[in-house]
Amino acid sequence: MQQVREQVLAARSGSTLDPARLVAPLAVWLPDAILAGAGPATLGIDVQASNVPGHPADRYIGGAKILSNVPIGPVPGVALMATMVSQAGHCYVGVNLDTAAVTDTDEFARSLEWGFEDVVAVGRPPGAGSAADGAA
């Protein structure tokens, strides 16, 4: 997991321009018929992910503190859309999926939980325990 983190950080620090990344947010508004004609670049994509950076400090609505976020992204012609919103030091993840493509949603949810446990473990100090042990 640490190697994956290092590779992602290295890729993010590069100065390459990714046209697909610039156009992707607009593509969700296009009809499937147009996307199907866009060529092989749009074919075979099963998962789309979005990261929406939020405000670094607590936010309020009508004087009440916002306690959590529930990100829900569209499924723009893909089997699964995962959306993450960061807010005041916390990350919230929402997953919208096509149940025809992901037929065992319970197993998918367990796998997602296990994956997040692995990611969180990378940043946990040695000997701090796991979420199963009551560590956050």
C-alpha atoms as a PDB file:
ATOM      1  CA  MET A   1       0.000   0.000   0.000  1.00  0.00           C
ATOM      2  CA  GLN A   2       2.904   2.339   0.757  1.00  0.00           C
ATOM      3  CA  GLN A   3       4.290   1.755  -2.761  1.00  0.00           C
ATOM      4  CA  VAL A   4       0.913   2.641  -4.287  1.00  0.00           C
ATOM      5  CA  ARG A   5       0.852   5.848  -2.236  1.00  0.00           C
ATOM      6  CA  GLU A   6       4.336   6.791  -3.433  1.00  0.00           C
ATOM      7  CA  GLN A   7       3.415   6.107  -7.062  1.00  0.00           C
ATOM      8  CA  VAL A   8       0.246   8.203  -6.801  1.00  0.00           C
ATOM      9  CA  LEU A   9       2.150  11.096  -5.222  1.00  0.00           C
ATOM     10  CA  ALA A  10       4.809  10.871  -7.935  1.00  0.00           C
ATOM     11  CA  ALA A  11       2.160  10.854 -10.662  1.00  0.00           C
ATOM     12  CA  ARG A  12       0.364  13.848  -9.137  1.00  0.00           C
ATOM     13  CA  SER A  13       3.563  15.862  -8.962  1.00  0.00           C
ATOM     14  CA  GLY A  14       4.124  15.477 -12.701  1.00  0.00           C
ATOM     15  CA  SER A  15       3.305  18.351 -14.994  1.00  0.00           C
ATOM     16  CA  THR A  16       1.509  16.360 -17.692  1.00  0.00           C
ATOM     17  CA  LEU A  17      -1.744  17.713 -19.048  1.00  0.00           C
ATOM     18  CA  ASP A  18      -4.520  15.100 -19.169  1.00  0.00           C
ATOM     19  CA  PRO A  19      -7.252  16.242 -21.601  1.00  0.00           C
ATOM     20  CA  ALA A  20      -9.598  13.416 -20.563  1.00  0.00           C
ATOM     21  CA  ARG A  21      -9.442  14.621 -16.959  1.00  0.00           C
ATOM     22  CA  LEU A  22     -10.406  18.120 -18.068  1.00  0.00           C
ATOM     23  CA  VAL A  23     -13.341  16.942 -20.196  1.00  0.00           C
ATOM     24  CA  ALA A  24     -14.672  14.167 -17.909  1.00  0.00           C
ATOM     25  CA  PRO A  25     -16.743  16.453 -15.639  1.00  0.00           C
ATOM     26  CA  LEU A  26     -18.589  17.730 -18.706  1.00  0.00           C
ATOM     27  CA  ALA A  27     -19.146  14.249 -20.155  1.00  0.00           C
ATOM     28  CA  VAL A  28     -21.610  13.302 -17.395  1.00  0.00           C
ATOM     29  CA  TRP A  29     -24.117  15.682 -18.947  1.00  0.00           C
ATOM     30  CA  LEU A  30     -23.910  14.128 -22.424  1.00  0.00           C
ATOM     31  CA  PRO A  31     -26.404  11.497 -23.587  1.00  0.00           C
ATOM     32  CA  ASP A  32     -25.061   7.912 -23.796  1.00  0.00           C
ATOM     33  CA  ALA A  33     -25.622   7.910 -27.566  1.00  0.00           C
ATOM     34  CA  ILE A  34     -23.115  10.740 -27.993  1.00  0.00           C
ATOM     35  CA  LEU A  35     -20.588   9.139 -25.655  1.00  0.00           C
ATOM     36  CA  ALA A  36     -20.850   5.810 -27.472  1.00  0.00           C
ATOM     37  CA  GLY A  37     -19.798   7.573 -30.665  1.00  0.00           C
ATOM     38  CA  ALA A  38     -16.825   9.263 -29.034  1.00  0.00           C
ATOM     39  CA  GLY A  39     -14.551   6.339 -29.785  1.00  0.00           C
ATOM     40  CA  PRO A  40     -12.529   3.828 -27.827  1.00  0.00           C
ATOM     41  CA  ALA A  41     -11.524   6.339 -25.158  1.00  0.00           C
ATOM     42  CA  THR A  42     -14.994   6.027 -23.583  1.00  0.00           C
ATOM     43  CA  LEU A  43     -15.464   2.291 -24.042  1.00  0.00           C
ATOM     44  CA  GLY A  44     -14.713  -0.296 -21.397  1.00  0.00           C
ATOM     45  CA  ILE A  45     -14.763   2.047 -18.409  1.00  0.00           C
ATOM     46  CA  ASP A  46     -16.386   0.277 -15.463  1.00  0.00           C
ATOM     47  CA  VAL A  47     -15.534   2.625 -12.597  1.00  0.00           C
ATOM     48  CA  GLN A  48     -15.339   6.372 -12.348  1.00  0.00           C
ATOM     49  CA  ALA A  49     -14.074   8.205  -9.257  1.00  0.00           C
ATOM     50  CA  SER A  50     -14.338  11.823  -8.239  1.00  0.00           C
ATOM     51  CA  ASN A  51     -12.603  13.747  -5.469  1.00  0.00           C
ATOM     52  CA  VAL A  52     -14.286  16.966  -4.387  1.00  0.00           C
ATOM     53  CA  PRO A  53     -12.124  19.002  -2.015  1.00  0.00           C
ATOM     54  CA  GLY A  54     -14.238  20.696   0.626  1.00  0.00           C
ATOM     55  CA  HIS A  55     -13.499  23.526   2.989  1.00  0.00           C
ATOM     56  CA  PRO A  56     -10.688  22.833   5.507  1.00  0.00           C
ATOM     57  CA  ALA A  57     -12.660  24.297   8.436  1.00  0.00           C
ATOM     58  CA  ASP A  58     -16.010  23.413   9.989  1.00  0.00           C
ATOM     59  CA  ARG A  59     -19.010  24.753   8.071  1.00  0.00           C
ATOM     60  CA  TYR A  60     -22.423  25.811   9.325  1.00  0.00           C
ATOM     61  CA  ILE A  61     -25.929  26.118   7.909  1.00  0.00           C
ATOM     62  CA  GLY A  62     -28.271  28.464   9.755  1.00  0.00           C
ATOM     63  CA  GLY A  63     -25.917  28.381  12.740  1.00  0.00           C
ATOM     64  CA  ALA A  64     -25.912  24.563  12.937  1.00  0.00           C
ATOM     65  CA  LYS A  65     -22.619  22.778  12.406  1.00  0.00           C
ATOM     66  CA  ILE A  66     -22.520  20.396   9.452  1.00  0.00           C
ATOM     67  CA  LEU A  67     -21.620  17.048  11.026  1.00  0.00           C
ATOM     68  CA  SER A  68     -21.096  14.952   7.898  1.00  0.00           C
ATOM     69  CA  ASN A  69     -21.448  14.825   4.138  1.00  0.00           C
ATOM     70  CA  VAL A  70     -23.080  12.209   1.953  1.00  0.00           C
ATOM     71  CA  PRO A  71     -21.500  12.453  -1.492  1.00  0.00           C
ATOM     72  CA  ILE A  72     -23.591  10.932  -4.249  1.00  0.00           C
ATOM     73  CA  GLY A  73     -22.181  11.107  -7.754  1.00  0.00           C
ATOM     74  CA  PRO A  74     -24.048  10.227 -10.945  1.00  0.00           C
ATOM     75  CA  VAL A  75     -23.449   6.944 -12.772  1.00  0.00           C
ATOM     76  CA  PRO A  76     -22.481   8.453 -16.163  1.00  0.00           C
ATOM     77  CA  GLY A  77     -22.674   5.280 -18.256  1.00  0.00           C
ATOM     78  CA  VAL A  78     -20.373   3.321 -15.935  1.00  0.00           C
ATOM     79  CA  ALA A  79     -21.095   0.457 -13.556  1.00  0.00           C
ATOM     80  CA  LEU A  80     -19.857   2.291 -10.479  1.00  0.00           C
ATOM     81  CA  MET A  81     -19.262   5.891  -9.446  1.00  0.00           C
ATOM     82  CA  ALA A  82     -17.285   6.578  -6.255  1.00  0.00           C
ATOM     83  CA  THR A  83     -17.229  10.137  -4.938  1.00  0.00           C
ATOM     84  CA  MET A  84     -15.104  11.432  -2.079  1.00  0.00           C
ATOM     85  CA  VAL A  85     -15.611  14.779  -0.363  1.00  0.00           C
ATOM     86  CA  SER A  86     -13.080  16.067   2.158  1.00  0.00           C
ATOM     87  CA  GLN A  87     -14.310  18.456   4.808  1.00  0.00           C
ATOM     88  CA  ALA A  88     -12.545  19.812   7.905  1.00  0.00           C
ATOM     89  CA  GLY A  89     -10.058  16.956   8.169  1.00  0.00           C
ATOM     90  CA  HIS A  90     -12.534  14.171   7.398  1.00  0.00           C
ATOM     91  CA  CYS A  91     -13.241  12.281   4.183  1.00  0.00           C
ATOM     92  CA  TYR A  92     -16.678  11.052   3.165  1.00  0.00           C
ATOM     93  CA  VAL A  93     -17.127   8.487   0.413  1.00  0.00           C
ATOM     94  CA  GLY A  94     -20.305   7.708  -1.471  1.00  0.00           C
ATOM     95  CA  VAL A  95     -20.711   4.905  -3.973  1.00  0.00           C
ATOM     96  CA  ASN A  96     -23.457   4.784  -6.570  1.00  0.00           C
ATOM     97  CA  LEU A  97     -23.569   1.551  -8.524  1.00  0.00           C
ATOM     98  CA  ASP A  98     -25.505  -0.359 -11.136  1.00  0.00           C
ATOM     99  CA  THR A  99     -26.842  -3.498  -9.416  1.00  0.00           C
ATOM    100  CA  ALA A 100     -26.929  -5.284 -12.768  1.00  0.00           C
ATOM    101  CA  ALA A 101     -23.135  -4.935 -12.888  1.00  0.00           C
ATOM    102  CA  VAL A 102     -22.399  -5.340  -9.167  1.00  0.00           C
ATOM    103  CA  THR A 103     -24.713  -8.164  -8.170  1.00  0.00           C
ATOM    104  CA  ASP A 104     -23.324  -8.933  -4.696  1.00  0.00           C
ATOM    105  CA  THR A 105     -23.544  -5.553  -3.022  1.00  0.00           C
ATOM    106  CA  ASP A 106     -22.872  -6.970   0.448  1.00  0.00           C
ATOM    107  CA  GLU A 107     -19.578  -8.503  -0.688  1.00  0.00           C
ATOM    108  CA  PHE A 108     -18.717  -5.268  -2.511  1.00  0.00           C
ATOM    109  CA  ALA A 109     -19.361  -3.271   0.693  1.00  0.00           C
ATOM    110  CA  ARG A 110     -17.145  -5.642   2.726  1.00  0.00           C
ATOM    111  CA  SER A 111     -14.379  -5.394   0.122  1.00  0.00           C
ATOM    112  CA  LEU A 112     -14.608  -1.606   0.142  1.00  0.00           C
ATOM    113  CA  GLU A 113     -14.380  -1.585   3.942  1.00  0.00           C
ATOM    114  CA  TRP A 114     -11.337  -3.885   3.900  1.00  0.00           C
ATOM    115  CA  GLY A 115      -9.672  -1.678   1.296  1.00  0.00           C
ATOM    116  CA  PHE A 116     -10.186   1.433   3.406  1.00  0.00           C
ATOM    117  CA  GLU A 117      -8.815  -0.379   6.443  1.00  0.00           C
ATOM    118  CA  ASP A 118      -5.631  -1.078   4.456  1.00  0.00           C
ATOM    119  CA  VAL A 119      -5.343   2.557   3.368  1.00  0.00           C
ATOM    120  CA  VAL A 120      -5.910   3.910   6.882  1.00  0.00           C
ATOM    121  CA  ALA A 121      -3.379   1.430   8.288  1.00  0.00           C
ATOM    122  CA  VAL A 122      -0.658   3.049   6.154  1.00  0.00           C
ATOM    123  CA  GLY A 123      -1.102   6.328   8.031  1.00  0.00           C
ATOM    124  CA  ARG A 124      -1.630   4.830  11.477  1.00  0.00           C
ATOM    125  CA  PRO A 125       1.339   5.032  13.858  1.00  0.00           C
ATOM    126  CA  PRO A 126       2.908   1.645  14.623  1.00  0.00           C
ATOM    127  CA  GLY A 127       1.218  -0.111  17.537  1.00  0.00           C
ATOM    128  CA  ALA A 128      -1.885   2.119  17.389  1.00  0.00           C
ATOM    129  CA  GLY A 129      -4.244  -0.797  16.705  1.00  0.00           C
ATOM    130  CA  SER A 130      -6.954  -1.027  14.053  1.00  0.00           C
ATOM    131  CA  ALA A 131     -10.551   0.129  13.651  1.00  0.00           C
ATOM    132  CA  ALA A 132     -11.606  -3.343  14.838  1.00  0.00           C
ATOM    133  CA  ASP A 133      -9.681  -2.686  18.073  1.00  0.00           C
ATOM    134  CA  GLY A 134     -11.499   0.612  18.589  1.00  0.00           C
ATOM    135  CA  ALA A 135      -8.864   2.863  16.953  1.00  0.00           C
ATOM    136  CA  ALA A 136     -10.240   5.553  14.657  1.00  0.00           C
END
